[in-house]
Amino acid sequence: MALTKKLALGLGGAAIALVAGSGIASAAPGDAAIVNSTCTYPQVMAALNAKDPAAGAALAGDPAANGFLQGLIAAPPGSPERQQKVDFVRSFPQAAQYNGLINSVASTCNNY
């Protein structure tokens, strides 16, 4: 797999996980916050840009990752569709490298 493809998959993983907000426990650690989040796209991007402007710019500049994030946010909080999107991204090990940033954005996105 080409390096740019791996990077896009990693950013896609970051994108889905960046939607974290608040929620109840679920199967995998961190999933509930993402699946049940009420954060909007502007809130997620504002939190991301505040925490890591370079990551925010990379996400905004990647149409695939950005589109995936927008699709995730468009799915109703708590829905099976949103959980499926989370499960899909969790299948890519590249997403794990963004856990620290994801957790930081997750804890603040509702403040934006």
Protein backbone atom coordinates (compact mmCIF):
# COMPACT_ATOMS: atom_id res chain seq x y z
CA MET A 1 0.00 0.00 0.00
CA ALA A 2 1.41 3.42 -0.94
CA LEU A 3 2.52 5.76 1.83
CA THR A 4 -0.06 8.40 0.84
CA LYS A 5 -2.81 5.76 1.02
CA LYS A 6 -1.64 4.73 4.50
CA LEU A 7 -1.58 8.36 5.59
CA ALA A 8 -5.11 8.87 4.26
CA LEU A 9 -6.29 5.79 6.17
CA GLY A 10 -4.60 7.06 9.32
CA LEU A 11 -6.19 10.47 8.95
CA GLY A 12 -9.50 8.78 8.29
CA GLY A 13 -9.03 6.94 11.56
CA ALA A 14 -8.26 10.19 13.30
CA ALA A 15 -11.26 11.80 11.68
CA ILE A 16 -13.73 9.30 12.97
CA ALA A 17 -12.32 9.28 16.44
CA LEU A 18 -12.18 13.04 16.68
CA VAL A 19 -15.93 13.20 16.92
CA ALA A 20 -15.78 12.22 20.58
CA GLY A 21 -17.96 13.97 23.09
CA SER A 22 -19.85 12.22 25.86
CA GLY A 23 -21.65 8.91 26.17
CA ILE A 24 -22.12 5.61 27.93
CA ALA A 25 -19.88 2.57 27.89
CA SER A 26 -19.68 0.39 24.79
CA ALA A 27 -17.72 -2.56 23.49
CA ALA A 28 -14.37 -0.88 22.80
CA PRO A 29 -12.72 1.79 24.93
CA GLY A 30 -13.51 5.23 23.58
CA ASP A 31 -16.29 4.11 21.27
CA ALA A 32 -19.12 5.43 23.43
CA ALA A 33 -17.78 8.96 23.32
CA ILE A 34 -17.62 8.84 19.55
CA VAL A 35 -20.84 6.95 18.92
CA ASN A 36 -22.89 9.11 21.28
CA SER A 37 -21.23 12.46 20.62
CA THR A 38 -23.33 15.52 19.89
CA CYS A 39 -20.31 17.53 18.70
CA THR A 40 -20.79 19.21 15.36
CA TYR A 41 -18.26 19.29 12.55
CA PRO A 42 -17.30 22.91 13.34
CA GLN A 43 -16.82 21.99 17.02
CA VAL A 44 -14.58 19.04 16.17
CA MET A 45 -12.51 21.08 13.75
CA ALA A 46 -12.21 23.99 16.18
CA ALA A 47 -11.03 21.66 18.95
CA LEU A 48 -8.61 19.92 16.60
CA ASN A 49 -7.19 23.19 15.32
CA ALA A 50 -6.76 24.44 18.89
CA LYS A 51 -4.92 21.26 19.94
CA ASP A 52 -2.87 20.60 16.79
CA PRO A 53 -3.17 23.09 13.91
CA ALA A 54 -1.04 20.91 11.62
CA ALA A 55 -3.33 17.92 12.12
CA GLY A 56 -6.35 20.16 11.55
CA ALA A 57 -4.90 21.42 8.29
CA ALA A 58 -4.03 17.87 7.20
CA LEU A 59 -7.54 16.65 7.92
CA ALA A 60 -9.15 19.63 6.19
CA GLY A 61 -6.92 19.04 3.17
CA ASP A 62 -7.75 15.35 2.82
CA PRO A 63 -11.10 15.00 1.01
CA ALA A 64 -11.50 11.32 1.89
CA ALA A 65 -10.83 11.74 5.61
CA ASN A 66 -12.83 14.94 5.78
CA GLY A 67 -15.77 13.36 3.98
CA PHE A 68 -15.67 10.38 6.29
CA LEU A 69 -15.70 12.65 9.34
CA GLN A 70 -18.64 14.61 7.97
CA GLY A 71 -20.50 11.36 7.24
CA LEU A 72 -19.85 10.13 10.74
CA ILE A 73 -21.16 13.34 12.26
CA ALA A 74 -24.22 13.22 10.00
CA ALA A 75 -25.14 9.78 11.36
CA PRO A 76 -27.43 10.10 14.39
CA PRO A 77 -25.69 9.85 17.77
CA GLY A 78 -26.04 6.35 19.19
CA SER A 79 -27.01 4.84 15.84
CA PRO A 80 -25.82 1.49 14.48
CA GLU A 81 -24.58 3.37 11.40
CA ARG A 82 -22.25 5.46 13.53
CA GLN A 83 -21.00 2.37 15.38
CA GLN A 84 -20.29 0.65 12.05
CA LYS A 85 -18.19 3.62 10.96
CA VAL A 86 -16.24 3.49 14.22
CA ASP A 87 -15.71 -0.26 13.83
CA PHE A 88 -14.48 0.25 10.26
CA VAL A 89 -11.81 2.73 11.32
CA ARG A 90 -10.76 0.62 14.30
CA SER A 91 -9.85 -2.10 11.78
CA PHE A 92 -6.91 0.06 10.63
CA PRO A 93 -3.94 -0.07 13.04
CA GLN A 94 -2.71 3.27 11.67
CA ALA A 95 -5.48 5.04 13.56
CA ALA A 96 -4.01 4.06 16.94
CA GLN A 97 -1.21 6.61 16.63
CA TYR A 98 -3.77 9.40 16.98
CA ASN A 99 -5.18 8.25 20.33
CA GLY A 100 -3.55 11.02 22.39
CA LEU A 101 -4.77 13.78 20.11
CA ILE A 102 -8.15 12.12 19.78
CA ASN A 103 -8.60 11.95 23.54
CA SER A 104 -7.61 15.59 23.90
CA VAL A 105 -10.08 16.72 21.24
CA ALA A 106 -12.73 14.39 22.65
CA SER A 107 -12.53 16.04 26.04
CA THR A 108 -12.97 19.54 24.66
CA CYS A 109 -15.03 19.54 21.44
CA ASN A 110 -18.29 20.31 23.25
CA ASN A 111 -16.67 23.55 24.47
CA TYR A 112 -16.37 24.97 20.96
